[in-house]
């Protein structure tokens, strides 16, 4: 089997594996409350960055759509895995080209490169919107699998439906099969599952492979530019959280049943006897007894004065004088 066919089957296998993983995890999102799956779509504005070619190219519109999985790590952070079919590329003006149709004579032409990828970003999200409603930020790495390529030109100022556009190249081998990049952006999530994101996606890897040049836009020596995309996306996450109802509409919760307090139970004599026989308890009792005796022997004794009675004697209190007894005489 030739090398191009190997690259083709490897690329198709990677695409199928990524989609299968996302679909499988999306099916489990209904069973797990914390894992939420959804869909997203949006607009891409792509261009080339870096080198002389990158500074001369303009924005190429496209679109991106696919699946998204959101897994919260804490109250204000989470992980987000995506699989997106994304259109990238660039456009350039003042391109000189001789058309095969001799009837088309244009001094300058517009160059357009349409590149398609399967983007698989793994993003770390932080902010209230990571696990609820609010604003969130996202950043993380991204792998991009090349799926298609088309380079074309048309006369400057002419619409795409005039039929004068010519294809320059569709050789997919010129693209880097798997590109590594990054994603950074901001988003806002609602309670009903709707959300929006504005972010930038850039590649660390060059867009074209060594030896294949920089496409039809530049010679071999200038293959030093990368893909850069500004993305505006709308998403919907399944399993949205419902907003809490007002206190007036909530049903009154039933009052918990109150039981009378249980009086403390006195320890039984058998338990006290077994506790007293415990060697550790006896040792503690002995130590407390010895300390009590030492405290009694060493504490100072009180000194009594002349007017104070000795210990053990009651103070002498003068007895009151007896009242005189009067006799009553009874007459007979």
Protein backbone atom coordinates (compact mmCIF):
# COMPACT_ATOMS: atom_id res chain seq x y z
CA UNK A 1 0.00 0.00 0.00
CA UNK A 2 1.32 3.41 -0.90
CA UNK A 3 2.11 6.11 1.63
CA UNK A 4 -0.76 8.45 0.59
CA UNK A 5 -3.26 5.68 1.21
CA UNK A 6 -1.77 5.01 4.63
CA UNK A 7 -2.14 8.67 5.52
CA UNK A 8 -5.71 8.66 4.24
CA UNK A 9 -6.76 5.63 6.30
CA UNK A 10 -4.93 6.90 9.39
CA UNK A 11 -6.68 10.26 9.09
CA UNK A 12 -10.09 8.67 8.62
CA UNK A 13 -9.48 6.36 11.58
CA UNK A 14 -8.58 9.28 13.83
CA UNK A 15 -11.72 11.13 12.77
CA UNK A 16 -13.94 8.10 13.42
CA UNK A 17 -12.32 7.44 16.80
CA UNK A 18 -12.77 11.04 17.94
CA UNK A 19 -16.42 11.13 16.92
CA UNK A 20 -17.11 7.74 18.52
CA UNK A 21 -15.58 8.84 21.82
CA UNK A 22 -17.61 12.03 21.87
CA UNK A 23 -20.85 10.21 21.00
CA UNK A 24 -20.20 7.59 23.66
CA UNK A 25 -19.53 10.18 26.34
CA UNK A 26 -22.56 12.18 25.22
CA UNK A 27 -24.72 9.09 25.76
CA UNK A 28 -23.46 8.80 29.32
CA UNK A 29 -24.25 12.45 30.06
CA UNK A 30 -27.88 11.55 30.78
CA UNK A 31 -26.84 8.93 33.35
CA UNK A 32 -24.38 11.15 35.19
CA UNK A 33 -25.68 14.40 36.57
CA UNK A 34 -22.28 16.08 36.68
CA UNK A 35 -21.33 15.33 33.03
CA UNK A 36 -23.21 17.45 30.49
CA UNK A 37 -23.15 16.95 26.72
CA UNK A 38 -24.36 19.22 23.96
CA UNK A 39 -23.93 20.61 20.48
CA UNK A 40 -22.40 23.83 19.19
CA UNK A 41 -22.00 25.77 15.96
CA UNK A 42 -20.60 29.11 14.93
CA UNK A 43 -18.69 31.35 12.55
CA UNK A 44 -14.96 31.16 11.77
CA UNK A 45 -12.77 33.97 10.49
CA UNK A 46 -9.51 32.30 9.45
CA UNK A 47 -6.21 33.58 8.13
CA UNK A 48 -2.50 32.72 7.94
CA UNK A 49 -0.20 34.03 10.68
CA UNK A 50 3.57 34.36 10.74
CA UNK A 51 6.09 35.10 8.02
CA UNK A 52 5.69 37.26 4.95
CA UNK A 53 2.69 35.33 3.66
CA UNK A 54 0.79 35.70 6.90
CA UNK A 55 1.05 39.50 6.82
CA UNK A 56 -0.29 39.67 3.26
CA UNK A 57 -3.35 37.44 3.63
CA UNK A 58 -6.86 38.41 4.68
CA UNK A 59 -9.68 36.75 6.56
CA UNK A 60 -11.45 33.75 5.09
CA UNK A 61 -15.01 33.13 6.43
CA UNK A 62 -16.13 29.65 7.34
CA UNK A 63 -18.09 27.76 9.96
CA UNK A 64 -17.57 25.19 12.69
CA UNK A 65 -19.97 22.68 14.22
CA UNK A 66 -19.76 19.61 16.42
CA UNK A 67 -20.18 18.13 19.89
CA UNK A 68 -19.14 19.38 23.32
CA UNK A 69 -18.83 17.74 26.74
CA UNK A 70 -18.54 19.75 29.97
CA UNK A 71 -17.39 18.15 33.22
CA UNK A 72 -17.26 20.33 36.36
CA UNK A 73 -14.23 19.90 38.60
CA UNK A 74 -15.41 22.27 41.35
CA UNK A 75 -17.87 25.11 41.88
CA UNK A 76 -15.89 27.47 39.64
CA UNK A 77 -13.86 25.24 37.31
CA UNK A 78 -14.27 22.37 34.87
CA UNK A 79 -13.04 20.51 31.79
CA UNK A 80 -14.47 20.87 28.29
CA UNK A 81 -13.88 18.38 25.46
CA UNK A 82 -14.98 19.17 21.92
CA UNK A 83 -14.98 17.58 18.46
CA UNK A 84 -15.58 20.22 15.76
CA UNK A 85 -15.69 20.14 11.98
CA UNK A 86 -13.94 23.45 11.30
CA UNK A 87 -13.22 25.41 8.10
CA UNK A 88 -9.99 27.37 7.97
CA UNK A 89 -7.72 28.93 5.37
CA UNK A 90 -6.95 32.40 4.06
CA UNK A 91 -7.52 34.80 1.20
CA UNK A 92 -5.16 37.14 -0.60
CA UNK A 93 -5.50 39.96 -3.11
CA UNK A 94 -3.27 41.03 -6.01
CA UNK A 95 -2.60 37.45 -7.09
CA UNK A 96 -1.32 37.14 -10.66
CA UNK A 97 -2.72 34.17 -12.55
CA UNK A 98 -3.13 33.14 -16.18
CA UNK A 99 -6.53 31.48 -16.60
CA UNK A 100 -7.05 28.44 -18.74
CA UNK A 101 -10.08 30.12 -20.27
CA UNK A 102 -8.61 32.64 -22.67
CA UNK A 103 -11.79 34.69 -22.49
CA UNK A 104 -11.03 35.56 -18.88
CA UNK A 105 -8.49 38.35 -18.74
CA UNK A 106 -7.82 39.82 -15.31
CA UNK A 107 -4.94 41.97 -14.23
CA UNK A 108 -5.18 40.72 -10.66
CA UNK A 109 -7.01 37.87 -8.99
CA UNK A 110 -8.11 36.90 -5.52
CA UNK A 111 -6.54 33.80 -3.99
CA UNK A 112 -8.60 31.67 -1.59
CA UNK A 113 -7.50 28.61 0.38
CA UNK A 114 -10.29 26.50 1.92
CA UNK A 115 -8.95 24.04 4.51
CA UNK A 116 -11.11 21.71 6.60
CA UNK A 117 -10.07 20.13 9.90
CA UNK A 118 -11.40 18.06 12.75
CA UNK A 119 -10.51 20.13 15.83
CA UNK A 120 -10.32 18.33 19.18
CA UNK A 121 -9.64 20.89 21.94
CA UNK A 122 -9.35 19.95 25.63
CA UNK A 123 -10.05 23.11 27.59
CA UNK A 124 -9.86 24.10 31.24
CA UNK A 125 -12.71 26.44 32.15
CA UNK A 126 -12.86 28.64 35.24
CA UNK A 127 -15.55 31.03 36.40
CA UNK A 128 -19.20 30.82 37.53
CA UNK A 129 -20.29 29.62 34.08
CA UNK A 130 -18.16 26.48 34.34
CA UNK A 131 -20.80 24.81 36.53
CA UNK A 132 -23.81 27.11 36.40
CA UNK A 133 -24.85 30.51 35.17
CA UNK A 134 -22.35 33.28 34.48
CA UNK A 135 -19.15 34.28 32.74
CA UNK A 136 -16.28 31.83 32.27
CA UNK A 137 -12.84 31.76 30.63
CA UNK A 138 -11.33 28.81 28.77
CA UNK A 139 -7.84 27.83 27.72
CA UNK A 140 -6.15 24.62 26.62
CA UNK A 141 -4.42 22.61 23.87
CA UNK A 142 -5.93 21.49 20.59
CA UNK A 143 -5.22 18.83 17.97
CA UNK A 144 -6.36 19.44 14.37
CA UNK A 145 -6.68 16.56 11.90
CA UNK A 146 -6.58 17.69 8.23
CA UNK A 147 -9.64 16.53 6.24
CA UNK A 148 -9.63 18.54 3.02
CA UNK A 149 -7.91 21.25 0.99
CA UNK A 150 -8.84 23.40 -1.99
CA UNK A 151 -6.96 26.39 -3.42
CA UNK A 152 -8.70 28.52 -6.03
CA UNK A 153 -8.49 31.93 -7.71
CA UNK A 154 -11.01 34.22 -9.37
CA UNK A 155 -10.77 37.69 -10.91
CA UNK A 156 -10.65 40.49 -8.35
CA UNK A 157 -14.09 41.95 -7.67
CA UNK A 158 -15.96 39.03 -9.21
CA UNK A 159 -18.50 37.03 -7.25
CA UNK A 160 -18.13 33.34 -6.58
CA UNK A 161 -21.13 32.44 -8.80
CA UNK A 162 -19.81 33.91 -12.05
CA UNK A 163 -18.17 30.59 -12.97
CA UNK A 164 -14.71 32.02 -13.65
CA UNK A 165 -13.12 30.60 -10.52
CA UNK A 166 -10.36 28.08 -11.20
CA UNK A 167 -9.05 25.41 -8.83
CA UNK A 168 -5.30 25.46 -8.33
CA UNK A 169 -4.78 22.43 -6.10
CA UNK A 170 -6.70 19.85 -4.04
CA UNK A 171 -3.72 17.74 -2.96
CA UNK A 172 -4.34 16.88 0.71
CA UNK A 173 -0.78 15.57 1.09
CA UNK A 174 0.50 19.14 1.13
CA UNK A 175 -1.12 19.80 4.53
CA UNK A 176 0.35 18.72 7.84
CA UNK A 177 -1.76 15.64 8.79
CA UNK A 178 -2.09 16.51 12.50
CA UNK A 179 -1.41 20.01 13.78
CA UNK A 180 -0.93 21.02 17.41
CA UNK A 181 -2.30 24.31 18.66
CA UNK A 182 -4.08 26.16 21.45
CA UNK A 183 -7.43 27.78 22.24
CA UNK A 184 -8.20 30.74 24.53
CA UNK A 185 -11.42 32.68 24.96
CA UNK A 186 -14.40 33.85 27.02
CA UNK A 187 -17.97 32.58 27.26
CA UNK A 188 -21.28 33.03 29.04
CA UNK A 189 -23.61 30.23 30.12
CA UNK A 190 -27.35 30.40 30.98
CA UNK A 191 -29.41 28.14 33.24
CA UNK A 192 -31.49 26.80 30.34
CA UNK A 193 -28.44 25.33 28.57
CA UNK A 194 -27.75 28.10 26.03
CA UNK A 195 -24.30 29.62 25.91
CA UNK A 196 -22.01 31.68 23.71
CA UNK A 197 -18.23 31.74 23.28
CA UNK A 198 -15.75 34.12 21.64
CA UNK A 199 -12.27 32.68 21.32
CA UNK A 200 -9.08 32.47 19.27
CA UNK A 201 -7.53 29.28 17.94
CA UNK A 202 -3.93 29.16 16.77
CA UNK A 203 -1.55 26.44 15.56
CA UNK A 204 2.02 25.83 16.68
CA UNK A 205 2.52 23.53 13.67
CA UNK A 206 2.97 24.89 10.16
CA UNK A 207 0.01 24.59 7.85
CA UNK A 208 1.94 22.84 5.03
CA UNK A 209 4.36 19.95 5.19
CA UNK A 210 8.06 20.43 4.37
CA UNK A 211 8.77 19.77 0.73
CA UNK A 212 5.31 20.76 -0.48
CA UNK A 213 5.84 24.48 -0.29
CA UNK A 214 3.35 26.97 1.07
CA UNK A 215 0.57 26.15 -1.34
CA UNK A 216 0.09 28.11 -4.52
CA UNK A 217 0.50 31.42 -2.73
CA UNK A 218 4.24 31.36 -2.09
CA UNK A 219 7.44 29.58 -3.17
CA UNK A 220 9.09 26.76 -1.23
CA UNK A 221 11.35 29.03 0.82
CA UNK A 222 8.43 30.77 2.57
CA UNK A 223 6.67 27.84 4.20
CA UNK A 224 6.64 29.41 7.68
CA UNK A 225 3.06 30.38 8.44
CA UNK A 226 0.30 28.83 10.55
CA UNK A 227 -3.49 28.76 10.84
CA UNK A 228 -5.19 31.36 13.03
CA UNK A 229 -8.96 31.47 13.59
CA UNK A 230 -11.30 33.83 15.44
CA UNK A 231 -14.39 31.85 16.47
CA UNK A 232 -17.85 33.03 17.57
CA UNK A 233 -19.90 30.01 18.67
CA UNK A 234 -23.30 29.25 20.19
CA UNK A 235 -23.83 26.07 22.20
CA UNK A 236 -26.59 24.17 23.96
CA UNK A 237 -25.91 21.80 26.86
CA UNK A 238 -28.42 19.09 27.69
CA UNK A 239 -29.49 18.51 31.28
CA UNK A 240 -29.89 22.22 32.02
CA UNK A 241 -30.49 23.23 35.60
CA UNK A 242 -33.91 24.67 36.35
CA UNK A 243 -34.06 27.99 38.17
CA UNK A 244 -35.19 27.78 41.81
CA UNK A 245 -38.85 28.54 42.39
CA UNK A 246 -40.03 31.40 44.56
CA UNK A 247 -40.75 30.64 48.23
CA UNK A 248 -44.49 31.31 47.71
CA UNK A 249 -44.78 28.59 45.04
CA UNK A 250 -42.78 26.00 46.92
CA UNK A 251 -44.83 23.44 48.87
CA UNK A 252 -44.63 23.67 52.61
CA UNK A 253 -42.30 21.08 53.96
CA UNK A 254 -43.73 18.78 56.61
CA UNK A 255 -42.59 19.51 60.13
CA UNK A 256 -40.25 16.87 61.52
CA UNK A 257 -41.75 14.69 64.22
CA UNK A 258 -40.54 15.58 67.66
CA UNK A 259 -40.00 12.90 70.27
CA UNK A 260 -39.92 13.48 74.05
CA UNK A 261 -36.43 13.66 75.52
CA UNK A 262 -35.14 10.38 76.82
CA UNK A 263 -33.98 10.63 80.47
CA UNK A 264 -30.42 9.52 81.09
CA UNK A 265 -30.10 5.98 82.32
CA UNK A 266 -28.32 5.38 85.59
CA UNK A 267 -25.49 2.87 85.44
CA UNK A 268 -26.34 -0.51 86.88
CA UNK A 269 -24.47 -1.92 89.92
CA UNK A 270 -23.04 -4.69 87.76
CA UNK A 271 -21.55 -2.14 85.40
CA UNK A 272 -20.07 -0.12 88.27
CA UNK A 273 -18.63 -3.29 89.82
CA UNK A 274 -17.02 -4.31 86.51
CA UNK A 275 -15.70 -0.77 86.10
CA UNK A 276 -14.20 -0.80 89.59
CA UNK A 277 -12.46 -4.11 88.87
CA UNK A 278 -10.77 -2.69 85.81
CA UNK A 279 -7.00 -2.39 86.58
CA UNK A 280 -6.71 0.95 84.79
CA UNK A 281 -9.62 2.44 86.74
CA UNK A 282 -8.20 1.10 90.03
CA UNK A 283 -4.85 2.66 89.25
CA UNK A 284 -6.48 6.04 88.59
CA UNK A 285 -8.45 5.79 91.83
CA UNK A 286 -5.27 4.95 93.78
CA UNK A 287 -3.42 7.90 92.29
CA UNK A 288 -6.28 10.28 93.16
CA UNK A 289 -6.40 8.88 96.74
CA UNK A 290 -2.66 9.34 97.26
CA UNK A 291 -2.80 12.89 95.91
CA UNK A 292 -5.71 13.71 98.23
CA UNK A 293 -3.79 12.39 101.27
CA UNK A 294 -0.68 14.37 100.36
CA UNK A 295 -2.74 17.50 99.92
CA UNK A 296 -4.33 17.00 103.32
CA UNK A 297 -0.98 16.43 105.06
CA UNK A 298 0.85 19.30 103.43
CA UNK A 299 -1.76 22.05 103.54
CA UNK A 300 -1.32 24.67 106.34
CA UNK A 301 -3.37 24.35 109.53
CA UNK A 302 -5.46 27.31 110.73
CA UNK A 303 -4.25 29.21 113.85
CA UNK A 304 -6.93 30.15 116.36
CA UNK A 305 -6.68 33.25 118.55
CA UNK A 306 -7.71 33.87 122.14
CA UNK A 307 -11.24 34.80 121.26
CA UNK A 308 -11.77 31.84 118.91
CA UNK A 309 -13.00 28.52 120.19
CA UNK A 310 -10.82 25.48 119.75
CA UNK A 311 -11.68 23.08 116.99
CA UNK A 312 -14.35 20.65 118.06
CA UNK A 313 -15.84 22.92 120.77
CA UNK A 314 -18.97 24.92 120.46
CA UNK A 315 -18.73 28.59 121.35
CA UNK A 316 -20.15 29.52 124.76
CA UNK A 317 -23.31 31.55 124.45
CA UNK A 318 -24.85 33.17 127.55
CA UNK A 319 -28.14 31.62 128.39
CA UNK A 320 -31.08 34.01 128.74
CA UNK A 321 -32.51 34.52 132.30
CA UNK A 322 -35.64 32.52 133.06
CA UNK A 323 -38.86 34.44 132.99
CA UNK A 324 -40.65 34.81 136.32
CA UNK A 325 -43.61 32.48 136.69
CA UNK A 326 -46.81 33.98 137.96
CA UNK A 327 -49.31 31.83 139.79
CA UNK A 328 -52.92 32.21 139.13
CA UNK A 329 -55.31 31.85 142.03
CA UNK A 330 -58.71 30.51 141.47
CA UNK A 331 -61.56 31.49 143.83
CA UNK A 332 -63.83 28.71 144.96
